Amino acid sequence: MRQQHCDVLVIGGGINGVGIARDAVGRGLSVILCEKDDLAAHTSSASSKLIHGGLRYLEYYEFGLVRKALLEREALLRLAPHLISPLSFVMPYVSGLRPYFLLRAGLFIYDQLAKRELLAGSQSVRFSKHISGPYLKQHIQRGFLYSDAWVDDARLVIVNALDAQERGATILTHTRCDAVQSHDGRWRAQLSQHVQGVSQSIEVNAACIVNATGAWAAQLQGLFEPKEKPKQLRLIKGSHIIVKRLFAHEHAYIFQHPDGRIVFVIPYENEFSLIGTTDFEYQGELENLTISSDETAYLCNLCNAYFQQQISPADVLHSYAGVRPLVDDGSADAKSITRDYQLEFIDDPAPVLHVFGGKITTYRRLAEDALNMIAPYLHCEAKAWTKDVCLPGGDISSPQPSNQNVREFPRFIQQCCERYPWIAVSTVTRMAHAYGTRIHQILGGCKDAKSMGGQVLPGLFACELNYLCINEFARSAEDILWRRTKLGLHLSRDSEEVLNAWLAQHHPLFAPPSV
């Protein structure tokens, strides 16, 4: 058994867990993070890929949550301009749903709740004169245009974990927390790590534990407080489908459903449209979630009510599902449950912080609030800092977050294409978005295609794979193709088998035991 000591043990490798780990280690605390699977393997890679204020939450008078999210929106754009980019949304007005004046008023409030420097304000639009109009059914004549942002959700998790590690944190993937026990005001946590079919036990002596396990948070809470009733969470399943691209422009659509829910249709990975999400109560198993046939039909039918081009379940190329753990606020309807987070801190018999709820847009603020809560118990006087330091790869023109970093990113892509002319423009563009300035760590020593170590799969070279395994915690083809590169959407079905075989040969400690 290995034994380790730390100030903070973070359990959970989703966006909230890695955000807290990064903030904590940056304040001078020693940090260990454990995740039972891959980073972002669950809810944090199953989102709608949006950094947004949550326009529809205004209906439920969640002005504080919307303002908090809107403030974070542009802050995150500056922190990671390679992973987060502005996106404009087309909202058609349909008679019989939300009134026109209500939509206009909501957008006005949305524009005014937080200062904007990078994103345009809302405006009304006539579809007969707008590029988005020809794809909509002819009876839809007018609507609105407003701005939010798009994010590569899984990579946002990865770069937070990467930054935490580079600052001194220990990141343990495929490592489960099996038991905790208090002793002299500290915690002893029993961890079990599973790599390449081999297990080892790790004992961590921690001054404080953070439970950031998302949908499993209430379950894990029982380890710390077995005599207390665990927090009531409402598990809300959100599913998405991916189809061939439905329109030839860069705007996204936001559609209203007669049941009050809204669904986004977003340009995705150049060739596709991402459609989601559903919003239904869920009480089943949390592992290996999949979309139901009813959810698929729900999303297809809503698109067909707006678009001239009709789709069916047969057109779905890929789908994914996740569960959002929302704090039970007594709302009868899933769509009206608050998306705000709650932090519960207990210092007896030893300090533990439970994280409940939250959304990807507010993860940095959640982490900051979490550290402000636990820091006094750890005699840490360091102040909040994460808003002022770019995430890895985000320092496009300045090491500090700035509007210029965001505005210079298109030029940065062009410079990368000029610097690496032997690589396809599409591959360089993908890598620039994925890694930002870290692309030069991968390609900087290469002079031609041969020096990249060979092309393992179309557009995926050995030098990038080595970087992902050594630096970004990748352990399998699934990790690489679906969470770190999204190339799984573009490649043939046997690509995972080919890549796992390559990993077995070149990174045998990481490759799945089945290879």
Protein backbone atom coordinates (compact mmCIF):
# COMPACT_ATOMS: atom_id res chain seq x y z
CA MET A 1 0.00 0.00 0.00
CA ARG A 2 1.26 3.44 -0.92
CA GLN A 3 0.71 6.19 1.65
CA GLN A 4 0.40 9.85 0.78
CA HIS A 5 -0.37 13.04 2.68
CA CYS A 6 -2.10 16.17 1.39
CA ASP A 7 -4.05 19.21 2.47
CA VAL A 8 -6.95 18.51 0.12
CA LEU A 9 -8.19 15.26 -1.38
CA VAL A 10 -10.65 15.94 -4.21
CA ILE A 11 -12.86 13.01 -5.13
CA GLY A 12 -14.27 13.35 -8.64
CA GLY A 13 -12.63 14.22 -11.96
CA GLY A 14 -15.42 16.14 -13.62
CA ILE A 15 -15.35 19.87 -14.25
CA ASN A 16 -16.06 20.85 -10.65
CA GLY A 17 -13.46 18.51 -9.21
CA VAL A 18 -10.62 19.58 -11.50
CA GLY A 19 -11.60 23.25 -11.09
CA ILE A 20 -11.34 22.92 -7.30
CA ALA A 21 -8.03 21.03 -7.56
CA ARG A 22 -6.55 23.74 -9.78
CA ASP A 23 -7.70 26.56 -7.52
CA ALA A 24 -6.45 24.80 -4.37
CA VAL A 25 -2.97 23.96 -5.62
CA GLY A 26 -2.61 27.47 -6.99
CA ARG A 27 -3.19 28.79 -3.47
CA GLY A 28 -0.26 26.76 -2.18
CA LEU A 29 -2.18 23.76 -0.86
CA SER A 30 -1.03 20.20 -1.52
CA VAL A 31 -3.69 18.42 -3.55
CA ILE A 32 -4.55 14.89 -4.64
CA LEU A 33 -7.47 14.26 -7.00
CA CYS A 34 -8.88 10.80 -7.65
CA GLU A 35 -11.38 9.82 -10.35
CA LYS A 36 -12.77 6.31 -10.69
CA ASP A 37 -12.80 6.46 -14.51
CA ASP A 38 -11.29 8.81 -17.08
CA LEU A 39 -11.47 12.55 -16.54
CA ALA A 40 -14.76 13.95 -17.87
CA ALA A 41 -16.00 10.41 -18.51
CA HIS A 42 -19.54 11.16 -17.38
CA THR A 43 -21.67 14.34 -17.12
CA SER A 44 -18.83 16.73 -17.96
CA SER A 45 -18.48 15.32 -21.48
CA ALA A 46 -22.23 14.86 -21.99
CA SER A 47 -23.26 18.51 -21.97
CA SER A 48 -24.70 20.72 -24.71
CA LYS A 49 -21.19 22.19 -25.14
CA LEU A 50 -22.35 25.68 -24.19
CA ILE A 51 -21.05 28.44 -21.95
CA HIS A 52 -24.23 30.42 -21.40
CA GLY A 53 -26.20 32.41 -18.92
CA GLY A 54 -29.26 30.22 -19.21
CA LEU A 55 -31.82 32.42 -20.89
CA ARG A 56 -34.77 30.25 -19.92
CA TYR A 57 -33.90 30.43 -16.21
CA LEU A 58 -35.21 34.00 -16.26
CA GLU A 59 -38.70 32.50 -16.45
CA TYR A 60 -38.15 31.10 -12.97
CA TYR A 61 -36.74 34.41 -11.63
CA GLU A 62 -33.25 32.93 -11.28
CA PHE A 63 -31.70 36.34 -11.86
CA GLY A 64 -28.79 35.69 -9.51
CA LEU A 65 -27.83 32.46 -11.23
CA VAL A 66 -28.16 33.99 -14.70
CA ARG A 67 -26.05 37.01 -13.75
CA LYS A 68 -23.37 34.79 -12.19
CA ALA A 69 -23.25 32.67 -15.34
CA LEU A 70 -23.18 35.70 -17.64
CA LEU A 71 -20.25 37.17 -15.72
CA GLU A 72 -18.38 33.89 -16.08
CA ARG A 73 -19.19 33.64 -19.79
CA GLU A 74 -16.73 36.29 -20.97
CA ALA A 75 -14.24 35.50 -18.19
CA LEU A 76 -13.97 31.94 -19.50
CA LEU A 77 -13.66 33.17 -23.08
CA ARG A 78 -10.54 35.06 -22.01
CA LEU A 79 -9.13 32.10 -20.05
CA ALA A 80 -9.43 29.56 -22.87
CA PRO A 81 -10.06 31.21 -26.26
CA HIS A 82 -8.96 28.02 -28.03
CA LEU A 83 -11.64 25.91 -26.34
CA ILE A 84 -14.38 28.51 -25.96
CA SER A 85 -15.65 30.69 -28.78
CA PRO A 86 -18.56 33.10 -29.34
CA LEU A 87 -21.68 31.59 -30.88
CA SER A 88 -24.79 33.40 -32.05
CA PHE A 89 -28.21 31.82 -31.61
CA VAL A 90 -31.30 32.14 -33.78
CA MET A 91 -34.54 31.97 -31.80
CA PRO A 92 -37.64 31.69 -34.02
CA TYR A 93 -40.87 33.14 -32.73
CA VAL A 94 -43.81 30.74 -33.03
CA SER A 95 -47.36 31.83 -32.35
CA GLY A 96 -48.96 30.00 -29.45
CA LEU A 97 -45.77 29.51 -27.47
CA ARG A 98 -44.00 32.22 -25.45
CA PRO A 99 -45.34 35.66 -26.52
CA TYR A 100 -43.15 37.84 -28.72
CA PHE A 101 -42.99 40.65 -26.15
CA LEU A 102 -41.91 38.17 -23.44
CA LEU A 103 -39.02 36.90 -25.56
CA ARG A 104 -37.98 40.45 -26.36
CA ALA A 105 -38.12 41.46 -22.70
CA GLY A 106 -36.18 38.37 -21.62
CA LEU A 107 -33.42 39.08 -24.12
CA PHE A 108 -33.25 42.70 -23.01
CA ILE A 109 -32.71 41.58 -19.41
CA TYR A 110 -30.19 38.98 -20.61
CA ASP A 111 -28.21 41.74 -22.33
CA GLN A 112 -28.26 44.01 -19.29
CA LEU A 113 -27.51 41.64 -16.40
CA ALA A 114 -23.75 41.62 -17.04
CA LYS A 115 -21.26 43.75 -18.91
CA ARG A 116 -20.34 42.49 -22.38
CA GLU A 117 -17.09 43.25 -24.21
CA LEU A 118 -16.78 40.29 -26.57
CA LEU A 119 -20.34 39.21 -27.32
CA ALA A 120 -22.95 41.08 -29.34
CA GLY A 121 -26.29 42.08 -27.89
CA SER A 122 -29.59 40.65 -29.03
CA GLN A 123 -31.63 41.89 -31.99
CA SER A 124 -34.84 41.05 -33.78
CA VAL A 125 -34.57 39.39 -37.18
CA ARG A 126 -36.74 38.83 -40.25
CA PHE A 127 -35.96 35.42 -41.68
CA SER A 128 -36.69 36.52 -45.22
CA LYS A 129 -33.55 38.66 -44.93
CA HIS A 130 -31.32 36.47 -42.76
CA ILE A 131 -29.00 33.61 -43.69
CA SER A 132 -30.70 31.31 -41.19
CA GLY A 133 -34.15 31.82 -42.71
CA PRO A 134 -34.14 29.48 -45.75
CA TYR A 135 -33.72 26.42 -43.52
CA LEU A 136 -36.83 27.17 -41.47
CA LYS A 137 -40.39 26.39 -42.44
CA GLN A 138 -42.04 29.20 -44.38
CA HIS A 139 -44.61 30.13 -41.74
CA ILE A 140 -41.77 31.10 -39.37
CA GLN A 141 -41.23 34.71 -40.34
CA ARG A 142 -39.46 36.43 -37.48
CA GLY A 143 -37.45 35.85 -34.37
CA PHE A 144 -34.35 36.98 -32.51
CA LEU A 145 -30.59 36.73 -32.58
CA TYR A 146 -28.48 36.70 -29.41
CA SER A 147 -25.01 35.59 -28.29
CA ASP A 148 -23.54 33.01 -25.95
CA ALA A 149 -20.50 30.76 -26.34
CA TRP A 150 -19.53 27.22 -27.37
CA VAL A 151 -17.09 25.03 -25.42
CA ASP A 152 -15.23 21.77 -25.89
CA ASP A 153 -16.45 20.50 -22.53
CA ALA A 154 -14.19 17.46 -22.11
CA ARG A 155 -11.07 19.37 -23.07
CA LEU A 156 -11.96 22.11 -20.60
CA VAL A 157 -11.81 19.43 -17.91
CA ILE A 158 -8.49 18.13 -19.24
CA VAL A 159 -6.73 21.50 -19.29
CA ASN A 160 -7.85 22.28 -15.74
CA ALA A 161 -6.43 18.94 -14.59
CA LEU A 162 -3.28 19.51 -16.62
CA ASP A 163 -2.74 22.92 -15.06
CA ALA A 164 -3.35 21.53 -11.58
CA GLN A 165 -0.78 18.81 -12.20
CA GLU A 166 1.80 21.23 -13.53
CA ARG A 167 1.35 23.31 -10.37
CA GLY A 168 2.03 20.28 -8.18
CA ALA A 169 -1.25 18.42 -7.76
CA THR A 170 -1.36 14.63 -8.05
CA ILE A 171 -4.04 13.47 -10.51
CA LEU A 172 -5.05 9.84 -10.12
CA THR A 173 -7.40 8.53 -12.80
CA HIS A 174 -9.04 5.10 -12.65
CA THR A 175 -8.79 5.41 -8.87
CA ARG A 176 -11.81 4.86 -6.66
CA CYS A 177 -12.36 6.05 -3.10
CA ASP A 178 -13.56 2.98 -1.21
CA ALA A 179 -13.64 4.18 2.40
CA VAL A 180 -12.88 7.15 4.63
CA GLN A 181 -12.23 7.32 8.35
CA SER A 182 -11.53 10.30 10.58
CA HIS A 183 -8.51 10.34 12.88
CA ASP A 184 -7.34 13.26 15.02
CA GLY A 185 -9.26 15.79 12.97
CA ARG A 186 -7.96 14.49 9.62
CA TRP A 187 -9.17 11.92 7.10
CA ARG A 188 -7.73 8.59 6.12
CA ALA A 189 -9.07 7.62 2.71
CA GLN A 190 -8.62 4.18 1.17
CA LEU A 191 -8.22 4.39 -2.60
CA SER A 192 -7.95 1.57 -5.12
CA GLN A 193 -6.29 2.23 -8.47
CA HIS A 194 -6.85 0.00 -11.49
CA VAL A 195 -4.44 0.28 -14.42
CA GLN A 196 -3.82 -2.36 -17.10
CA GLY A 197 -5.73 -4.95 -15.11
CA VAL A 198 -3.48 -4.42 -12.08
CA SER A 199 -4.84 -2.97 -8.84
CA GLN A 200 -3.02 -1.23 -6.04
CA SER A 201 -4.19 0.33 -2.79
CA ILE A 202 -3.38 3.89 -1.82
CA GLU A 203 -3.95 5.41 1.59
CA VAL A 204 -4.30 9.18 1.66
CA ASN A 205 -4.03 11.17 4.86
CA ALA A 206 -5.86 14.43 4.11
CA ALA A 207 -6.65 17.50 6.15
CA CYS A 208 -9.81 18.08 4.10
CA ILE A 209 -11.81 16.11 1.56
CA VAL A 210 -13.92 17.59 -1.24
CA ASN A 211 -16.76 15.41 -2.52
CA ALA A 212 -17.15 16.55 -6.14
CA THR A 213 -18.59 13.34 -7.57
CA GLY A 214 -21.60 14.86 -9.29
CA ALA A 215 -24.40 12.34 -9.65
CA TRP A 216 -22.68 10.16 -7.02
CA ALA A 217 -22.32 12.99 -4.47
CA ALA A 218 -25.23 11.99 -2.24
CA GLN A 219 -24.09 8.37 -2.32
CA LEU A 220 -20.54 9.31 -1.31
CA GLN A 221 -21.89 11.60 1.40
CA GLY A 222 -23.00 8.44 3.18
CA LEU A 223 -19.35 7.45 3.73
CA PHE A 224 -18.78 10.59 5.75
CA GLU A 225 -22.11 10.85 7.55
CA PRO A 226 -23.57 7.32 7.74
CA LYS A 227 -26.07 8.31 10.41
CA GLU A 228 -27.39 11.35 8.56
CA LYS A 229 -29.93 11.37 5.75
CA PRO A 230 -28.05 12.12 2.50
CA LYS A 231 -28.79 15.16 0.38
CA GLN A 232 -31.80 14.82 -1.88
CA LEU A 233 -30.67 15.16 -5.48
CA ARG A 234 -32.91 15.10 -8.52
CA LEU A 235 -31.14 13.28 -11.32
CA ILE A 236 -32.14 14.85 -14.63
CA LYS A 237 -31.19 12.96 -17.75
CA GLY A 238 -30.11 15.00 -20.72
CA SER A 239 -29.56 13.30 -24.08
CA HIS A 240 -28.24 14.53 -27.41
CA ILE A 241 -28.19 13.28 -30.97
CA ILE A 242 -25.76 14.07 -33.78
CA VAL A 243 -26.83 14.11 -37.44
CA LYS A 244 -25.33 15.31 -40.69
CA ARG A 245 -25.18 19.08 -40.81
CA LEU A 246 -28.63 20.57 -41.31
CA PHE A 247 -27.61 24.07 -42.40
CA ALA A 248 -24.70 25.83 -44.09
CA HIS A 249 -23.99 28.74 -41.74
CA GLU A 250 -22.32 29.27 -38.38
CA HIS A 251 -25.34 30.25 -36.28
CA ALA A 252 -27.00 27.87 -33.83
CA TYR A 253 -30.75 27.56 -33.33
CA ILE A 254 -32.75 27.50 -30.12
CA PHE A 255 -36.22 25.97 -30.49
CA GLN A 256 -39.13 26.09 -28.08
CA HIS A 257 -41.18 22.98 -27.43
CA PRO A 258 -44.88 23.23 -26.54
CA ASP A 259 -44.07 21.53 -23.21
CA GLY A 260 -41.95 24.56 -22.24
CA ARG A 261 -38.55 22.97 -22.77
CA ILE A 262 -36.02 24.34 -25.23
CA VAL A 263 -33.66 22.46 -27.54
CA PHE A 264 -30.46 23.68 -29.20
CA VAL A 265 -29.27 22.76 -32.69
CA ILE A 266 -25.59 23.60 -32.90
CA PRO A 267 -23.00 23.41 -35.70
CA TYR A 268 -20.67 20.65 -34.53
CA GLU A 269 -17.30 19.40 -35.72
CA ASN A 270 -17.76 21.08 -39.13
CA GLU A 271 -19.75 18.20 -40.64
CA PHE A 272 -22.54 17.69 -38.10
CA SER A 273 -25.39 19.22 -36.15
CA LEU A 274 -25.65 18.56 -32.42
CA ILE A 275 -29.24 18.47 -31.15
CA GLY A 276 -30.23 18.54 -27.48
CA THR A 277 -31.04 18.31 -24.79
CA THR A 278 -33.88 16.37 -23.22
CA ASP A 279 -34.82 17.05 -19.62
CA PHE A 280 -36.38 14.06 -17.87
CA GLU A 281 -36.22 12.65 -14.35
CA TYR A 282 -33.96 9.61 -14.11
CA GLN A 283 -33.75 6.89 -11.48
CA GLY A 284 -31.78 4.10 -13.17
CA GLU A 285 -28.15 3.03 -13.14
CA LEU A 286 -25.58 5.80 -13.53
CA GLU A 287 -23.07 3.81 -15.55
CA ASN A 288 -23.23 3.44 -19.34
CA LEU A 289 -26.13 5.80 -19.90
CA THR A 290 -27.72 5.76 -23.34
CA ILE A 291 -30.43 7.74 -25.04
CA SER A 292 -33.90 6.16 -25.18
CA SER A 293 -35.95 5.76 -28.33
CA ASP A 294 -38.52 8.18 -26.90
CA GLU A 295 -35.85 10.83 -26.38
CA THR A 296 -34.54 10.36 -29.91
CA ALA A 297 -38.04 10.75 -31.32
CA TYR A 298 -38.63 13.82 -29.12
CA LEU A 299 -35.57 15.60 -30.52
CA CYS A 300 -36.29 14.61 -34.12
CA ASN A 301 -39.92 15.71 -33.91
CA LEU A 302 -39.01 19.10 -32.50
CA CYS A 303 -36.49 19.73 -35.27
CA ASN A 304 -39.07 18.68 -37.85
CA ALA A 305 -41.50 21.25 -36.47
CA TYR A 306 -39.03 24.03 -37.37
CA PHE A 307 -36.74 22.87 -40.18
CA GLN A 308 -37.74 22.27 -43.76
CA GLN A 309 -35.35 19.34 -43.89
CA GLN A 310 -36.91 16.48 -41.97
CA ILE A 311 -34.96 13.95 -39.93
CA SER A 312 -35.79 10.60 -38.34
CA PRO A 313 -34.04 8.29 -35.86
CA ALA A 314 -32.44 6.58 -38.86
CA ASP A 315 -30.46 9.79 -39.51
CA VAL A 316 -28.79 9.75 -36.08
CA LEU A 317 -25.07 9.09 -36.47
CA HIS A 318 -24.16 9.25 -32.79
CA SER A 319 -25.81 10.00 -29.48
CA TYR A 320 -24.86 10.45 -25.86
CA ALA A 321 -26.58 10.90 -22.53
CA GLY A 322 -25.66 12.26 -19.13
CA VAL A 323 -27.26 12.90 -15.78
CA ARG A 324 -27.29 16.32 -14.16
CA PRO A 325 -27.41 16.09 -10.36
CA LEU A 326 -29.66 18.99 -9.34
CA VAL A 327 -30.45 20.01 -5.79
CA ASP A 328 -34.07 19.14 -5.00
CA ASP A 329 -35.76 22.50 -4.50
CA GLY A 330 -39.28 21.10 -4.44
CA SER A 331 -40.08 21.90 -8.07
CA ALA A 332 -42.60 19.53 -9.55
CA ASP A 333 -41.21 19.82 -13.09
CA ALA A 334 -37.66 18.80 -14.01
CA LYS A 335 -37.11 21.77 -16.29
CA SER A 336 -37.82 24.26 -13.48
CA ILE A 337 -35.35 22.84 -10.92
CA THR A 338 -32.61 25.32 -10.11
CA ARG A 339 -29.27 24.79 -11.89
CA ASP A 340 -27.41 26.66 -9.17
CA TYR A 341 -24.97 24.82 -6.93
CA GLN A 342 -24.87 24.29 -3.19
CA LEU A 343 -21.76 23.80 -1.08
CA GLU A 344 -22.13 22.10 2.29
CA PHE A 345 -19.13 22.22 4.63
CA ILE A 346 -18.82 20.13 7.78
CA ASP A 347 -15.80 20.31 10.11
CA ASP A 348 -16.70 17.56 12.57
CA PRO A 349 -15.13 15.02 12.90
CA ALA A 350 -12.87 16.40 10.13
CA PRO A 351 -13.33 18.98 7.37
CA VAL A 352 -15.32 17.79 4.35
CA LEU A 353 -16.99 19.83 1.62
CA HIS A 354 -19.85 18.36 -0.40
CA VAL A 355 -20.53 19.88 -3.82
CA PHE A 356 -24.09 19.56 -5.09
CA GLY A 357 -25.42 20.73 -8.45
CA GLY A 358 -23.79 23.29 -10.69
CA LYS A 359 -23.22 23.71 -14.43
CA ILE A 360 -20.14 23.90 -16.58
CA THR A 361 -20.46 27.66 -17.07
CA THR A 362 -20.07 28.39 -13.36
CA TYR A 363 -17.43 25.76 -12.53
CA ARG A 364 -14.63 28.31 -11.95
CA ARG A 365 -16.81 30.43 -9.66
CA LEU A 366 -17.92 27.28 -7.81
CA ALA A 367 -14.28 26.30 -7.28
CA GLU A 368 -13.45 29.78 -6.02
CA ASP A 369 -16.37 29.69 -3.57
CA ALA A 370 -15.30 26.22 -2.43
CA LEU A 371 -11.74 27.33 -1.68
CA ASN A 372 -12.93 30.46 0.09
CA MET A 373 -14.98 28.17 2.31
CA ILE A 374 -12.30 25.61 3.21
CA ALA A 375 -9.18 27.79 3.16
CA PRO A 376 -9.61 29.16 6.73
CA TYR A 377 -9.69 25.62 8.13
CA LEU A 378 -6.42 24.88 6.32
CA HIS A 379 -4.77 28.13 7.51
CA CYS A 380 -4.48 29.23 3.89
CA GLU A 381 -4.56 32.99 3.38
CA ALA A 382 -3.92 33.03 -0.39
CA LYS A 383 -6.55 34.86 -2.38
CA ALA A 384 -8.57 33.84 -5.42
CA TRP A 385 -6.46 33.80 -8.58
CA THR A 386 -8.01 31.66 -11.34
CA LYS A 387 -9.71 34.54 -13.14
CA ASP A 388 -6.33 36.13 -13.82
CA VAL A 389 -4.34 33.23 -15.31
CA CYS A 390 -4.98 31.61 -18.69
CA LEU A 391 -5.66 27.92 -18.88
CA PRO A 392 -2.99 25.86 -20.70
CA GLY A 393 -2.91 26.87 -24.34
CA GLY A 394 -5.00 30.00 -23.85
CA ASP A 395 -2.11 32.48 -23.88
CA ILE A 396 -2.58 33.30 -27.56
CA SER A 397 -1.06 36.78 -27.47
CA SER A 398 -0.68 37.43 -23.73
CA PRO A 399 -0.03 35.24 -20.65
CA GLN A 400 -2.88 37.04 -18.90
CA PRO A 401 -6.53 36.59 -19.91
CA SER A 402 -7.47 39.35 -22.31
CA ASN A 403 -9.91 40.28 -25.04
CA GLN A 404 -6.93 40.33 -27.39
CA ASN A 405 -6.35 36.61 -26.83
CA VAL A 406 -9.89 35.98 -28.05
CA ARG A 407 -9.68 38.32 -31.02
CA GLU A 408 -6.27 37.07 -32.11
CA PHE A 409 -7.22 33.40 -32.19
CA PRO A 410 -8.23 33.26 -35.91
CA ARG A 411 -4.85 34.81 -36.75
CA PHE A 412 -3.16 32.27 -34.51
CA ILE A 413 -4.72 29.43 -36.53
CA GLN A 414 -3.46 31.01 -39.74
CA GLN A 415 0.06 31.30 -38.29
CA CYS A 416 -0.01 27.63 -37.27
CA CYS A 417 -1.02 26.60 -40.80
CA GLU A 418 1.89 28.62 -42.18
CA ARG A 419 4.34 27.18 -39.64
CA TYR A 420 3.35 23.55 -40.33
CA PRO A 421 2.60 23.53 -44.09
CA TRP A 422 3.16 19.78 -44.48
CA ILE A 423 0.08 19.01 -42.35
CA ALA A 424 -3.46 19.28 -43.71
CA VAL A 425 -5.10 22.58 -42.83
CA SER A 426 -8.02 20.73 -41.24
CA THR A 427 -5.66 18.84 -38.91
CA VAL A 428 -3.73 21.95 -37.89
CA THR A 429 -6.98 23.81 -37.29
CA ARG A 430 -8.31 20.99 -35.13
CA MET A 431 -5.10 20.87 -33.11
CA ALA A 432 -4.98 24.64 -32.68
CA HIS A 433 -8.47 24.55 -31.22
CA ALA A 434 -7.67 21.56 -29.00
CA TYR A 435 -4.29 22.66 -27.66
CA GLY A 436 -3.97 26.39 -28.30
CA THR A 437 -0.33 27.41 -27.90
CA ARG A 438 0.46 23.91 -26.61
CA ILE A 439 0.30 22.80 -30.24
CA HIS A 440 3.94 23.88 -30.43
CA GLN A 441 4.85 21.40 -27.68
CA ILE A 442 3.49 18.67 -29.95
CA LEU A 443 4.69 19.89 -33.35
CA GLY A 444 7.53 22.29 -32.53
CA GLY A 445 10.25 19.70 -33.03
CA CYS A 446 8.82 18.37 -36.29
CA LYS A 447 10.12 19.39 -39.70
CA ASP A 448 7.96 17.17 -41.92
CA ALA A 449 5.32 14.45 -41.76
CA LYS A 450 7.94 11.75 -41.18
CA SER A 451 9.26 13.45 -38.05
CA MET A 452 5.74 13.34 -36.56
CA GLY A 453 6.24 9.61 -35.97
CA GLY A 454 3.81 8.30 -38.56
CA GLN A 455 0.08 8.65 -39.11
CA VAL A 456 -1.71 6.10 -36.92
CA LEU A 457 -5.19 7.11 -38.08
CA PRO A 458 -6.27 9.75 -40.61
CA GLY A 459 -5.27 13.11 -39.14
CA LEU A 460 -3.85 11.53 -35.96
CA PHE A 461 -0.06 11.22 -35.69
CA ALA A 462 2.17 9.50 -33.18
CA CYS A 463 3.55 12.76 -31.77
CA GLU A 464 0.05 13.85 -30.75
CA LEU A 465 -0.76 10.45 -29.28
CA ASN A 466 2.42 10.45 -27.23
CA TYR A 467 1.55 13.90 -25.91
CA LEU A 468 -1.95 12.77 -24.92
CA CYS A 469 -0.70 9.68 -23.10
CA ILE A 470 2.19 11.36 -21.32
CA ASN A 471 0.62 14.74 -20.53
CA GLU A 472 -3.17 14.46 -20.73
CA PHE A 473 -3.97 11.27 -18.80
CA ALA A 474 -5.20 9.34 -21.88
CA ARG A 475 -5.29 5.58 -21.32
CA SER A 476 -7.36 4.17 -24.17
CA ALA A 477 -8.60 4.78 -27.68
CA GLU A 478 -11.96 5.84 -26.27
CA ASP A 479 -10.28 8.52 -24.15
CA ILE A 480 -8.48 9.86 -27.19
CA LEU A 481 -11.08 9.55 -29.94
CA TRP A 482 -14.14 10.71 -28.01
CA ARG A 483 -12.99 13.05 -25.24
CA ARG A 484 -9.65 14.52 -26.26
CA THR A 485 -9.97 14.87 -30.04
CA LYS A 486 -13.60 14.09 -31.07
CA LEU A 487 -12.13 12.22 -34.04
CA GLY A 488 -14.35 9.26 -33.27
CA LEU A 489 -17.11 11.06 -35.16
CA HIS A 490 -15.01 11.28 -38.32
CA LEU A 491 -13.23 7.92 -38.45
CA SER A 492 -14.28 4.38 -39.34
CA ARG A 493 -15.70 1.96 -36.78
CA ASP A 494 -12.50 -0.06 -36.53
CA SER A 495 -10.47 3.00 -35.50
CA GLU A 496 -10.65 2.20 -31.79
CA GLU A 497 -9.27 -1.28 -32.42
CA VAL A 498 -6.42 0.11 -34.53
CA LEU A 499 -5.57 2.74 -31.96
CA ASN A 500 -5.74 0.37 -29.00
CA ALA A 501 -3.30 -1.92 -30.82
CA TRP A 502 -0.93 1.03 -31.30
CA LEU A 503 -1.23 1.95 -27.62
CA ALA A 504 -0.47 -1.64 -26.60
CA GLN A 505 2.74 -1.48 -28.58
CA HIS A 506 3.92 2.02 -27.69
CA HIS A 507 2.34 2.67 -24.26
CA PRO A 508 1.77 -0.82 -22.81
CA LEU A 509 1.23 0.52 -19.28
CA PHE A 510 -1.75 2.51 -20.51
CA ALA A 511 -3.41 0.25 -23.06
CA PRO A 512 -6.58 -1.63 -22.06
CA PRO A 513 -5.90 -5.21 -20.91
CA SER A 514 -8.22 -6.57 -23.61
CA VAL A 515 -5.74 -5.63 -26.34
